[in-house]
Amino acid sequence: LVHPGDSLRLSCSASGLIFPSHVMGWFRQAPGKTREFVAAINGRGSNT
């Protein structure tokens, strides 16, 4: 829980896969709404 204007950092720890061979993405879903794309990053982290 945060207040408007605040900042937050989310982390995603991955295991069981070759991490650099996977695109990583973030999605979000609010109550009563469909899942929404937020951001994605390529394997090397050079493109977003």
ModelCIF file with pLDDT and N, C-alpha, C, O atoms, coordinates in Angstrom:
data_MODEL
#
_entry.id   MODEL 
#
_entity.id                         1 
_entity.type                       polymer 
_entity.pdbx_number_of_molecules   1 
#
_entity_poly.entity_id                      1 
_entity_poly.type                           'polypeptide(L)' 
_entity_poly.nstd_linkage                   no 
_entity_poly.nstd_monomer                   no 
_entity_poly.pdbx_seq_one_letter_code       LVHPGDSLRLSCSASGLIFPSHVMGWFRQAPGKTREFVAAINGRGSNT 
_entity_poly.pdbx_seq_one_letter_code_can   LVHPGDSLRLSCSASGLIFPSHVMGWFRQAPGKTREFVAAINGRGSNT 
_entity_poly.pdbx_strand_id                 A 
#
loop_
_entity_poly_seq.entity_id 
_entity_poly_seq.num 
_entity_poly_seq.mon_id 
_entity_poly_seq.hetero 
1 1  LEU n 
1 2  VAL n 
1 3  HIS n 
1 4  PRO n 
1 5  GLY n 
1 6  ASP n 
1 7  SER n 
1 8  LEU n 
1 9  ARG n 
1 10 LEU n 
1 11 SER n 
1 12 CYS n 
1 13 SER n 
1 14 ALA n 
1 15 SER n 
1 16 GLY n 
1 17 LEU n 
1 18 ILE n 
1 19 PHE n 
1 20 PRO n 
1 21 SER n 
1 22 HIS n 
1 23 VAL n 
1 24 MET n 
1 25 GLY n 
1 26 TRP n 
1 27 PHE n 
1 28 ARG n 
1 29 GLN n 
1 30 ALA n 
1 31 PRO n 
1 32 GLY n 
1 33 LYS n 
1 34 THR n 
1 35 ARG n 
1 36 GLU n 
1 37 PHE n 
1 38 VAL n 
1 39 ALA n 
1 40 ALA n 
1 41 ILE n 
1 42 ASN n 
1 43 GLY n 
1 44 ARG n 
1 45 GLY n 
1 46 SER n 
1 47 ASN n 
1 48 THR n 
#
_struct_asym.id          A 
_struct_asym.entity_id   1 
#
loop_
_ma_qa_metric.id 
_ma_qa_metric.mode 
_ma_qa_metric.name 
_ma_qa_metric.software_group_id 
_ma_qa_metric.type 
1 global pLDDT . pLDDT 
2 local  pLDDT . pLDDT 
#
_ma_qa_metric_global.metric_id      1 
_ma_qa_metric_global.metric_value   97.19 
_ma_qa_metric_global.model_id       1 
_ma_qa_metric_global.ordinal_id     1 
#
loop_
_ma_qa_metric_local.label_asym_id 
_ma_qa_metric_local.label_comp_id 
_ma_qa_metric_local.label_seq_id 
_ma_qa_metric_local.metric_id 
_ma_qa_metric_local.metric_value 
_ma_qa_metric_local.model_id 
_ma_qa_metric_local.ordinal_id 
A LEU 1  2 98.00 1 1  
A VAL 2  2 98.00 1 2  
A HIS 3  2 98.00 1 3  
A PRO 4  2 98.00 1 4  
A GLY 5  2 98.00 1 5  
A ASP 6  2 98.00 1 6  
A SER 7  2 98.00 1 7  
A LEU 8  2 98.00 1 8  
A ARG 9  2 98.00 1 9  
A LEU 10 2 98.00 1 10 
A SER 11 2 98.00 1 11 
A CYS 12 2 98.00 1 12 
A SER 13 2 98.00 1 13 
A ALA 14 2 98.00 1 14 
A SER 15 2 98.00 1 15 
A GLY 16 2 98.00 1 16 
A LEU 17 2 97.00 1 17 
A ILE 18 2 97.00 1 18 
A PHE 19 2 97.00 1 19 
A PRO 20 2 97.00 1 20 
A SER 21 2 96.00 1 21 
A HIS 22 2 97.00 1 22 
A VAL 23 2 97.00 1 23 
A MET 24 2 98.00 1 24 
A GLY 25 2 98.00 1 25 
A TRP 26 2 98.00 1 26 
A PHE 27 2 98.00 1 27 
A ARG 28 2 98.00 1 28 
A GLN 29 2 98.00 1 29 
A ALA 30 2 97.00 1 30 
A PRO 31 2 93.00 1 31 
A GLY 32 2 95.00 1 32 
A LYS 33 2 97.00 1 33 
A THR 34 2 96.00 1 34 
A ARG 35 2 97.00 1 35 
A GLU 36 2 98.00 1 36 
A PHE 37 2 98.00 1 37 
A VAL 38 2 98.00 1 38 
A ALA 39 2 98.00 1 39 
A ALA 40 2 98.00 1 40 
A ILE 41 2 97.00 1 41 
A ASN 42 2 96.00 1 42 
A GLY 43 2 95.00 1 43 
A ARG 44 2 95.00 1 44 
A GLY 45 2 96.00 1 45 
A SER 46 2 95.00 1 46 
A ASN 47 2 95.00 1 47 
A THR 48 2 97.00 1 48 
#
loop_
_atom_site.group_PDB 
_atom_site.id 
_atom_site.type_symbol 
_atom_site.label_atom_id 
_atom_site.label_alt_id 
_atom_site.label_comp_id 
_atom_site.label_asym_id 
_atom_site.label_entity_id 
_atom_site.label_seq_id 
_atom_site.pdbx_PDB_ins_code 
_atom_site.Cartn_x 
_atom_site.Cartn_y 
_atom_site.Cartn_z 
_atom_site.occupancy 
_atom_site.B_iso_or_equiv 
_atom_site.pdbx_formal_charge 
_atom_site.auth_seq_id 
_atom_site.auth_comp_id 
_atom_site.auth_asym_id 
_atom_site.auth_atom_id 
_atom_site.pdbx_PDB_model_num 
ATOM 1   N N  . LEU A 1 1  ? 0.840   -1.187  0.000   1.00 98.00 ? 1  LEU A N  1 
ATOM 2   C CA . LEU A 1 1  ? 0.000   0.000   0.000   1.00 98.00 ? 1  LEU A CA 1 
ATOM 3   C C  . LEU A 1 1  ? 0.881   1.243   0.000   1.00 98.00 ? 1  LEU A C  1 
ATOM 4   O O  . LEU A 1 1  ? 1.766   1.389   0.843   1.00 98.00 ? 1  LEU A O  1 
ATOM 5   N N  . VAL A 1 2  ? 0.629   2.139   -0.955  1.00 98.00 ? 2  VAL A N  1 
ATOM 6   C CA . VAL A 1 2  ? 1.378   3.383   -1.048  1.00 98.00 ? 2  VAL A CA 1 
ATOM 7   C C  . VAL A 1 2  ? 0.408   4.534   -1.306  1.00 98.00 ? 2  VAL A C  1 
ATOM 8   O O  . VAL A 1 2  ? -0.768  4.317   -1.601  1.00 98.00 ? 2  VAL A O  1 
ATOM 9   N N  . HIS A 1 3  ? 0.917   5.756   -1.190  1.00 98.00 ? 3  HIS A N  1 
ATOM 10  C CA . HIS A 1 3  ? 0.119   6.949   -1.435  1.00 98.00 ? 3  HIS A CA 1 
ATOM 11  C C  . HIS A 1 3  ? 0.374   7.489   -2.838  1.00 98.00 ? 3  HIS A C  1 
ATOM 12  O O  . HIS A 1 3  ? 1.426   7.221   -3.417  1.00 98.00 ? 3  HIS A O  1 
ATOM 13  N N  . PRO A 1 4  ? -0.572  8.247   -3.393  1.00 98.00 ? 4  PRO A N  1 
ATOM 14  C CA . PRO A 1 4  ? -0.339  8.862   -4.702  1.00 98.00 ? 4  PRO A CA 1 
ATOM 15  C C  . PRO A 1 4  ? 0.948   9.672   -4.715  1.00 98.00 ? 4  PRO A C  1 
ATOM 16  O O  . PRO A 1 4  ? 1.243   10.411  -3.776  1.00 98.00 ? 4  PRO A O  1 
ATOM 17  N N  . GLY A 1 5  ? 1.706   9.520   -5.789  1.00 98.00 ? 5  GLY A N  1 
ATOM 18  C CA . GLY A 1 5  ? 2.977   10.199  -5.919  1.00 98.00 ? 5  GLY A CA 1 
ATOM 19  C C  . GLY A 1 5  ? 4.163   9.405   -5.423  1.00 98.00 ? 5  GLY A C  1 
ATOM 20  O O  . GLY A 1 5  ? 5.308   9.760   -5.702  1.00 98.00 ? 5  GLY A O  1 
ATOM 21  N N  . ASP A 1 6  ? 3.909   8.342   -4.695  1.00 98.00 ? 6  ASP A N  1 
ATOM 22  C CA . ASP A 1 6  ? 4.990   7.508   -4.172  1.00 98.00 ? 6  ASP A CA 1 
ATOM 23  C C  . ASP A 1 6  ? 5.618   6.659   -5.270  1.00 98.00 ? 6  ASP A C  1 
ATOM 24  O O  . ASP A 1 6  ? 5.106   6.578   -6.386  1.00 98.00 ? 6  ASP A O  1 
ATOM 25  N N  . SER A 1 7  ? 6.732   6.034   -4.930  1.00 98.00 ? 7  SER A N  1 
ATOM 26  C CA . SER A 1 7  ? 7.429   5.127   -5.826  1.00 98.00 ? 7  SER A CA 1 
ATOM 27  C C  . SER A 1 7  ? 7.506   3.741   -5.219  1.00 98.00 ? 7  SER A C  1 
ATOM 28  O O  . SER A 1 7  ? 7.402   3.568   -4.004  1.00 98.00 ? 7  SER A O  1 
ATOM 29  N N  . LEU A 1 8  ? 7.688   2.763   -6.080  1.00 98.00 ? 8  LEU A N  1 
ATOM 30  C CA . LEU A 1 8  ? 7.736   1.377   -5.658  1.00 98.00 ? 8  LEU A CA 1 
ATOM 31  C C  . LEU A 1 8  ? 8.598   0.604   -6.642  1.00 98.00 ? 8  LEU A C  1 
ATOM 32  O O  . LEU A 1 8  ? 8.626   0.927   -7.830  1.00 98.00 ? 8  LEU A O  1 
ATOM 33  N N  . ARG A 1 9  ? 9.292   -0.403  -6.166  1.00 98.00 ? 9  ARG A N  1 
ATOM 34  C CA . ARG A 1 9  ? 10.062  -1.273  -7.041  1.00 98.00 ? 9  ARG A CA 1 
ATOM 35  C C  . ARG A 1 9  ? 9.627   -2.714  -6.843  1.00 98.00 ? 9  ARG A C  1 
ATOM 36  O O  . ARG A 1 9  ? 9.715   -3.258  -5.742  1.00 98.00 ? 9  ARG A O  1 
ATOM 37  N N  . LEU A 1 10 ? 9.159   -3.321  -7.918  1.00 98.00 ? 10 LEU A N  1 
ATOM 38  C CA . LEU A 1 10 ? 8.758   -4.711  -7.897  1.00 98.00 ? 10 LEU A CA 1 
ATOM 39  C C  . LEU A 1 10 ? 9.881   -5.577  -8.441  1.00 98.00 ? 10 LEU A C  1 
ATOM 40  O O  . LEU A 1 10 ? 10.612  -5.168  -9.342  1.00 98.00 ? 10 LEU A O  1 
ATOM 41  N N  . SER A 1 11 ? 10.012  -6.769  -7.892  1.00 98.00 ? 11 SER A N  1 
ATOM 42  C CA . SER A 1 11 ? 11.020  -7.716  -8.340  1.00 98.00 ? 11 SER A CA 1 
ATOM 43  C C  . SER A 1 11 ? 10.358  -9.010  -8.782  1.00 98.00 ? 11 SER A C  1 
ATOM 44  O O  . SER A 1 11 ? 9.305   -9.391  -8.268  1.00 98.00 ? 11 SER A O  1 
ATOM 45  N N  . CYS A 1 12 ? 10.979  -9.675  -9.729  1.00 98.00 ? 12 CYS A N  1 
ATOM 46  C CA . CYS A 1 12 ? 10.521  -10.978 -10.211 1.00 98.00 ? 12 CYS A CA 1 
ATOM 47  C C  . CYS A 1 12 ? 11.723  -11.898 -10.255 1.00 98.00 ? 12 CYS A C  1 
ATOM 48  O O  . CYS A 1 12 ? 12.612  -11.735 -11.091 1.00 98.00 ? 12 CYS A O  1 
ATOM 49  N N  . SER A 1 13 ? 11.747  -12.861 -9.355  1.00 98.00 ? 13 SER A N  1 
ATOM 50  C CA . SER A 1 13 ? 12.829  -13.827 -9.288  1.00 98.00 ? 13 SER A CA 1 
ATOM 51  C C  . SER A 1 13 ? 12.448  -15.064 -10.093 1.00 98.00 ? 13 SER A C  1 
ATOM 52  O O  . SER A 1 13 ? 11.399  -15.663 -9.858  1.00 98.00 ? 13 SER A O  1 
ATOM 53  N N  . ALA A 1 14 ? 13.300  -15.445 -11.042 1.00 98.00 ? 14 ALA A N  1 
ATOM 54  C CA . ALA A 1 14 ? 13.012  -16.565 -11.931 1.00 98.00 ? 14 ALA A CA 1 
ATOM 55  C C  . ALA A 1 14 ? 13.959  -17.726 -11.669 1.00 98.00 ? 14 ALA A C  1 
ATOM 56  O O  . ALA A 1 14 ? 15.132  -17.533 -11.349 1.00 98.00 ? 14 ALA A O  1 
ATOM 57  N N  . SER A 1 15 ? 13.430  -18.928 -11.809 1.00 98.00 ? 15 SER A N  1 
ATOM 58  C CA . SER A 1 15 ? 14.239  -20.129 -11.671 1.00 98.00 ? 15 SER A CA 1 
ATOM 59  C C  . SER A 1 15 ? 13.679  -21.217 -12.577 1.00 98.00 ? 15 SER A C  1 
ATOM 60  O O  . SER A 1 15 ? 12.516  -21.166 -12.976 1.00 98.00 ? 15 SER A O  1 
ATOM 61  N N  . GLY A 1 16 ? 14.513  -22.200 -12.897 1.00 98.00 ? 16 GLY A N  1 
ATOM 62  C CA . GLY A 1 16 ? 14.072  -23.314 -13.711 1.00 98.00 ? 16 GLY A CA 1 
ATOM 63  C C  . GLY A 1 16 ? 14.041  -23.049 -15.200 1.00 98.00 ? 16 GLY A C  1 
ATOM 64  O O  . GLY A 1 16 ? 13.468  -23.835 -15.954 1.00 98.00 ? 16 GLY A O  1 
ATOM 65  N N  . LEU A 1 17 ? 14.642  -21.964 -15.636 1.00 97.00 ? 17 LEU A N  1 
ATOM 66  C CA . LEU A 1 17 ? 14.685  -21.623 -17.058 1.00 97.00 ? 17 LEU A CA 1 
ATOM 67  C C  . LEU A 1 17 ? 15.997  -20.929 -17.379 1.00 97.00 ? 17 LEU A C  1 
ATOM 68  O O  . LEU A 1 17 ? 16.679  -20.417 -16.492 1.00 97.00 ? 17 LEU A O  1 
ATOM 69  N N  . ILE A 1 18 ? 16.340  -20.921 -18.665 1.00 97.00 ? 18 ILE A N  1 
ATOM 70  C CA . ILE A 1 18 ? 17.509  -20.172 -19.106 1.00 97.00 ? 18 ILE A CA 1 
ATOM 71  C C  . ILE A 1 18 ? 17.065  -18.724 -19.230 1.00 97.00 ? 18 ILE A C  1 
ATOM 72  O O  . ILE A 1 18 ? 16.501  -18.317 -20.245 1.00 97.00 ? 18 ILE A O  1 
ATOM 73  N N  . PHE A 1 19 ? 17.323  -17.965 -18.201 1.00 97.00 ? 19 PHE A N  1 
ATOM 74  C CA . PHE A 1 19 ? 16.763  -16.634 -18.064 1.00 97.00 ? 19 PHE A CA 1 
ATOM 75  C C  . PHE A 1 19 ? 17.030  -15.715 -19.257 1.00 97.00 ? 19 PHE A C  1 
ATOM 76  O O  . PHE A 1 19 ? 16.092  -15.077 -19.735 1.00 97.00 ? 19 PHE A O  1 
ATOM 77  N N  . PRO A 1 20 ? 18.269  -15.617 -19.763 1.00 97.00 ? 20 PRO A N  1 
ATOM 78  C CA . PRO A 1 20 ? 18.528  -14.707 -20.889 1.00 97.00 ? 20 PRO A CA 1 
ATOM 79  C C  . PRO A 1 20 ? 17.842  -15.115 -22.187 1.00 97.00 ? 20 PRO A C  1 
ATOM 80  O O  . PRO A 1 20 ? 17.776  -14.313 -23.119 1.00 97.00 ? 20 PRO A O  1 
ATOM 81  N N  . SER A 1 21 ? 17.333  -16.336 -22.272 1.00 96.00 ? 21 SER A N  1 
ATOM 82  C CA . SER A 1 21 ? 16.635  -16.796 -23.469 1.00 96.00 ? 21 SER A CA 1 
ATOM 83  C C  . SER A 1 21 ? 15.138  -16.510 -23.420 1.00 96.00 ? 21 SER A C  1 
ATOM 84  O O  . SER A 1 21 ? 14.381  -16.997 -24.260 1.00 96.00 ? 21 SER A O  1 
ATOM 85  N N  . HIS A 1 22 ? 14.716  -15.731 -22.450 1.00 97.00 ? 22 HIS A N  1 
ATOM 86  C CA . HIS A 1 22 ? 13.309  -15.408 -22.291 1.00 97.00 ? 22 HIS A CA 1 
ATOM 87  C C  . HIS A 1 22 ? 13.082  -13.904 -22.226 1.00 97.00 ? 22 HIS A C  1 
ATOM 88  O O  . HIS A 1 22 ? 13.790  -13.178 -21.529 1.00 97.00 ? 22 HIS A O  1 
ATOM 89  N N  . VAL A 1 23 ? 12.084  -13.461 -22.964 1.00 97.00 ? 23 VAL A N  1 
ATOM 90  C CA . VAL A 1 23 ? 11.563  -12.113 -22.775 1.00 97.00 ? 23 VAL A CA 1 
ATOM 91  C C  . VAL A 1 23 ? 10.834  -12.079 -21.439 1.00 97.00 ? 23 VAL A C  1 
ATOM 92  O O  . VAL A 1 23 ? 10.096  -13.005 -21.103 1.00 97.00 ? 23 VAL A O  1 
ATOM 93  N N  . MET A 1 24 ? 11.041  -11.020 -20.690 1.00 98.00 ? 24 MET A N  1 
ATOM 94  C CA . MET A 1 24 ? 10.336  -10.840 -19.427 1.00 98.00 ? 24 MET A CA 1 
ATOM 95  C C  . MET A 1 24 ? 9.331   -9.702  -19.574 1.00 98.00 ? 24 MET A C  1 
ATOM 96  O O  . MET A 1 24 ? 9.626   -8.662  -20.161 1.00 98.00 ? 24 MET A O  1 
ATOM 97  N N  . GLY A 1 25 ? 8.158   -9.921  -19.036 1.00 98.00 ? 25 GLY A N  1 
ATOM 98  C CA . GLY A 1 25 ? 7.111   -8.916  -19.125 1.00 98.00 ? 25 GLY A CA 1 
ATOM 99  C C  . GLY A 1 25 ? 6.425   -8.685  -17.794 1.00 98.00 ? 25 GLY A C  1 
ATOM 100 O O  . GLY A 1 25 ? 6.456   -9.527  -16.897 1.00 98.00 ? 25 GLY A O  1 
ATOM 101 N N  . TRP A 1 26 ? 5.809   -7.530  -17.692 1.00 98.00 ? 26 TRP A N  1 
ATOM 102 C CA . TRP A 1 26 ? 4.972   -7.205  -16.546 1.00 98.00 ? 26 TRP A CA 1 
ATOM 103 C C  . TRP A 1 26 ? 3.574   -6.876  -17.045 1.00 98.00 ? 26 TRP A C  1 
ATOM 104 O O  . TRP A 1 26 ? 3.405   -6.124  -18.004 1.00 98.00 ? 26 TRP A O  1 
ATOM 105 N N  . PHE A 1 27 ? 2.581   -7.444  -16.388 1.00 98.00 ? 27 PHE A N  1 
ATOM 106 C CA . PHE A 1 27 ? 1.178   -7.176  -16.659 1.00 98.00 ? 27 PHE A CA 1 
ATOM 107 C C  . PHE A 1 27 ? 0.503   -6.794  -15.352 1.00 98.00 ? 27 PHE A C  1 
ATOM 108 O O  . PHE A 1 27 ? 1.030   -7.048  -14.269 1.00 98.00 ? 27 PHE A O  1 
ATOM 109 N N  . ARG A 1 28 ? -0.656  -6.186  -15.465 1.00 98.00 ? 28 ARG A N  1 
ATOM 110 C CA . ARG A 1 28 ? -1.417  -5.875  -14.264 1.00 98.00 ? 28 ARG A CA 1 
ATOM 111 C C  . ARG A 1 28 ? -2.895  -6.118  -14.514 1.00 98.00 ? 28 ARG A C  1 
ATOM 112 O O  . ARG A 1 28 ? -3.369  -6.055  -15.649 1.00 98.00 ? 28 ARG A O  1 
ATOM 113 N N  . GLN A 1 29 ? -3.610  -6.393  -13.442 1.00 98.00 ? 29 GLN A N  1 
ATOM 114 C CA . GLN A 1 29 ? -5.034  -6.654  -13.537 1.00 98.00 ? 29 GLN A CA 1 
ATOM 115 C C  . GLN A 1 29 ? -5.743  -6.060  -12.331 1.00 98.00 ? 29 GLN A C  1 
ATOM 116 O O  . GLN A 1 29 ? -5.503  -6.457  -11.191 1.00 98.00 ? 29 GLN A O  1 
ATOM 117 N N  . ALA A 1 30 ? -6.611  -5.110  -12.600 1.00 97.00 ? 30 ALA A N  1 
ATOM 118 C CA . ALA A 1 30 ? -7.423  -4.495  -11.565 1.00 97.00 ? 30 ALA A CA 1 
ATOM 119 C C  . ALA A 1 30 ? -8.723  -5.278  -11.420 1.00 97.00 ? 30 ALA A C  1 
ATOM 120 O O  . ALA A 1 30 ? -9.126  -5.973  -12.353 1.00 97.00 ? 30 ALA A O  1 
ATOM 121 N N  . PRO A 1 31 ? -9.387  -5.180  -10.272 1.00 93.00 ? 31 PRO A N  1 
ATOM 122 C CA . PRO A 1 31 ? -10.645 -5.904  -10.075 1.00 93.00 ? 31 PRO A CA 1 
ATOM 123 C C  . PRO A 1 31 ? -11.676 -5.584  -11.150 1.00 93.00 ? 31 PRO A C  1 
ATOM 124 O O  . PRO A 1 31 ? -11.939 -4.417  -11.441 1.00 93.00 ? 31 PRO A O  1 
ATOM 125 N N  . GLY A 1 32 ? -12.255 -6.625  -11.737 1.00 95.00 ? 32 GLY A N  1 
ATOM 126 C CA . GLY A 1 32 ? -13.272 -6.447  -12.754 1.00 95.00 ? 32 GLY A CA 1 
ATOM 127 C C  . GLY A 1 32 ? -12.752 -6.068  -14.121 1.00 95.00 ? 32 GLY A C  1 
ATOM 128 O O  . GLY A 1 32 ? -13.547 -5.799  -15.022 1.00 95.00 ? 32 GLY A O  1 
ATOM 129 N N  . LYS A 1 33 ? -11.443 -6.037  -14.307 1.00 97.00 ? 33 LYS A N  1 
ATOM 130 C CA . LYS A 1 33 ? -10.852 -5.668  -15.579 1.00 97.00 ? 33 LYS A CA 1 
ATOM 131 C C  . LYS A 1 33 ? -9.992  -6.803  -16.122 1.00 97.00 ? 33 LYS A C  1 
ATOM 132 O O  . LYS A 1 33 ? -9.602  -7.712  -15.389 1.00 97.00 ? 33 LYS A O  1 
ATOM 133 N N  . THR A 1 34 ? -9.705  -6.735  -17.409 1.00 96.00 ? 34 THR A N  1 
ATOM 134 C CA . THR A 1 34 ? -8.864  -7.735  -18.043 1.00 96.00 ? 34 THR A CA 1 
ATOM 135 C C  . THR A 1 34 ? -7.391  -7.446  -17.768 1.00 96.00 ? 34 THR A C  1 
ATOM 136 O O  . THR A 1 34 ? -7.023  -6.345  -17.359 1.00 96.00 ? 34 THR A O  1 
ATOM 137 N N  . ARG A 1 35 ? -6.569  -8.445  -18.000 1.00 97.00 ? 35 ARG A N  1 
ATOM 138 C CA . ARG A 1 35 ? -5.145  -8.294  -17.787 1.00 97.00 ? 35 ARG A CA 1 
ATOM 139 C C  . ARG A 1 35 ? -4.559  -7.324  -18.812 1.00 97.00 ? 35 ARG A C  1 
ATOM 140 O O  . ARG A 1 35 ? -4.829  -7.435  -20.008 1.00 97.00 ? 35 ARG A O  1 
ATOM 141 N N  . GLU A 1 36 ? -3.767  -6.388  -18.341 1.00 98.00 ? 36 GLU A N  1 
ATOM 142 C CA . GLU A 1 36 ? -3.253  -5.298  -19.153 1.00 98.00 ? 36 GLU A CA 1 
ATOM 143 C C  . GLU A 1 36 ? -1.738  -5.351  -19.237 1.00 98.00 ? 36 GLU A C  1 
ATOM 144 O O  . GLU A 1 36 ? -1.055  -5.528  -18.228 1.00 98.00 ? 36 GLU A O  1 
ATOM 145 N N  . PHE A 1 37 ? -1.220  -5.197  -20.442 1.00 98.00 ? 37 PHE A N  1 
ATOM 146 C CA . PHE A 1 37 ? 0.224   -5.138  -20.638 1.00 98.00 ? 37 PHE A CA 1 
ATOM 147 C C  . PHE A 1 37 ? 0.794   -3.880  -20.015 1.00 98.00 ? 37 PHE A C  1 
ATOM 148 O O  . PHE A 1 37 ? 0.222   -2.797  -20.138 1.00 98.00 ? 37 PHE A O  1 
ATOM 149 N N  . VAL A 1 38 ? 1.927   -4.032  -19.344 1.00 98.00 ? 38 VAL A N  1 
ATOM 150 C CA . VAL A 1 38 ? 2.606   -2.900  -18.723 1.00 98.00 ? 38 VAL A CA 1 
ATOM 151 C C  . VAL A 1 38 ? 3.951   -2.636  -19.388 1.00 98.00 ? 38 VAL A C  1 
ATOM 152 O O  . VAL A 1 38 ? 4.218   -1.522  -19.838 1.00 98.00 ? 38 VAL A O  1 
ATOM 153 N N  . ALA A 1 39 ? 4.799   -3.662  -19.450 1.00 98.00 ? 39 ALA A N  1 
ATOM 154 C CA . ALA A 1 39 ? 6.136   -3.482  -20.001 1.00 98.00 ? 39 ALA A CA 1 
ATOM 155 C C  . ALA A 1 39 ? 6.759   -4.829  -20.316 1.00 98.00 ? 39 ALA A C  1 
ATOM 156 O O  . ALA A 1 39 ? 6.369   -5.853  -19.755 1.00 98.00 ? 39 ALA A O  1 
ATOM 157 N N  . ALA A 1 40 ? 7.731   -4.822  -21.220 1.00 98.00 ? 40 ALA A N  1 
ATOM 158 C CA . ALA A 1 40 ? 8.479   -6.026  -21.551 1.00 98.00 ? 40 ALA A CA 1 
ATOM 159 C C  . ALA A 1 40 ? 9.917   -5.645  -21.859 1.00 98.00 ? 40 ALA A C  1 
ATOM 160 O O  . ALA A 1 40 ? 10.208  -4.504  -22.216 1.00 98.00 ? 40 ALA A O  1 
ATOM 161 N N  . ILE A 1 41 ? 10.816  -6.617  -21.715 1.00 97.00 ? 41 ILE A N  1 
ATOM 162 C CA . ILE A 1 41 ? 12.236  -6.382  -21.951 1.00 97.00 ? 41 ILE A CA 1 
ATOM 163 C C  . ILE A 1 41 ? 12.833  -7.609  -22.618 1.00 97.00 ? 41 ILE A C  1 
ATOM 164 O O  . ILE A 1 41 ? 12.476  -8.738  -22.281 1.00 97.00 ? 41 ILE A O  1 
ATOM 165 N N  . ASN A 1 42 ? 13.738  -7.394  -23.560 1.00 96.00 ? 42 ASN A N  1 
ATOM 166 C CA . ASN A 1 42 ? 14.327  -8.501  -24.290 1.00 96.00 ? 42 ASN A CA 1 
ATOM 167 C C  . ASN A 1 42 ? 15.379  -9.222  -23.461 1.00 96.00 ? 42 ASN A C  1 
ATOM 168 O O  . ASN A 1 42 ? 15.687  -8.820  -22.339 1.00 96.00 ? 42 ASN A O  1 
ATOM 169 N N  . GLY A 1 43 ? 15.923  -10.291 -24.028 1.00 95.00 ? 43 GLY A N  1 
ATOM 170 C CA . GLY A 1 43 ? 16.820  -11.166 -23.290 1.00 95.00 ? 43 GLY A CA 1 
ATOM 171 C C  . GLY A 1 43 ? 18.052  -10.490 -22.729 1.00 95.00 ? 43 GLY A C  1 
ATOM 172 O O  . GLY A 1 43 ? 18.461  -10.772 -21.602 1.00 95.00 ? 43 GLY A O  1 
ATOM 173 N N  . ARG A 1 44 ? 18.645  -9.601  -23.505 1.00 95.00 ? 44 ARG A N  1 
ATOM 174 C CA . ARG A 1 44 ? 19.866  -8.920  -23.068 1.00 95.00 ? 44 ARG A CA 1 
ATOM 175 C C  . ARG A 1 44 ? 19.591  -7.640  -22.286 1.00 95.00 ? 44 ARG A C  1 
ATOM 176 O O  . ARG A 1 44 ? 20.513  -7.030  -21.743 1.00 95.00 ? 44 ARG A O  1 
ATOM 177 N N  . GLY A 1 45 ? 18.342  -7.239  -22.230 1.00 96.00 ? 45 GLY A N  1 
ATOM 178 C CA . GLY A 1 45 ? 18.002  -6.013  -21.533 1.00 96.00 ? 45 GLY A CA 1 
ATOM 179 C C  . GLY A 1 45 ? 18.300  -4.755  -22.315 1.00 96.00 ? 45 GLY A C  1 
ATOM 180 O O  . GLY A 1 45 ? 18.352  -3.665  -21.744 1.00 96.00 ? 45 GLY A O  1 
ATOM 181 N N  . SER A 1 46 ? 18.496  -4.892  -23.619 1.00 95.00 ? 46 SER A N  1 
ATOM 182 C CA . SER A 1 46 ? 18.863  -3.753  -24.455 1.00 95.00 ? 46 SER A CA 1 
ATOM 183 C C  . SER A 1 46 ? 17.666  -3.062  -25.098 1.00 95.00 ? 46 SER A C  1 
ATOM 184 O O  . SER A 1 46 ? 17.786  -1.933  -25.574 1.00 95.00 ? 46 SER A O  1 
ATOM 185 N N  . ASN A 1 47 ? 16.523  -3.721  -25.117 1.00 95.00 ? 47 ASN A N  1 
ATOM 186 C CA . ASN A 1 47 ? 15.315  -3.152  -25.695 1.00 95.00 ? 47 ASN A CA 1 
ATOM 187 C C  . ASN A 1 47 ? 14.146  -3.327  -24.735 1.00 95.00 ? 47 ASN A C  1 
ATOM 188 O O  . ASN A 1 47 ? 14.032  -4.346  -24.053 1.00 95.00 ? 47 ASN A O  1 
ATOM 189 N N  . THR A 1 48 ? 13.288  -2.327  -24.693 1.00 97.00 ? 48 THR A N  1 
ATOM 190 C CA . THR A 1 48 ? 12.104  -2.387  -23.845 1.00 97.00 ? 48 THR A CA 1 
ATOM 191 C C  . THR A 1 48 ? 10.885  -1.903  -24.608 1.00 97.00 ? 48 THR A C  1 
ATOM 192 O O  . THR A 1 48 ? 9.783   -1.879  -24.059 1.00 97.00 ? 48 THR A O  1 
#
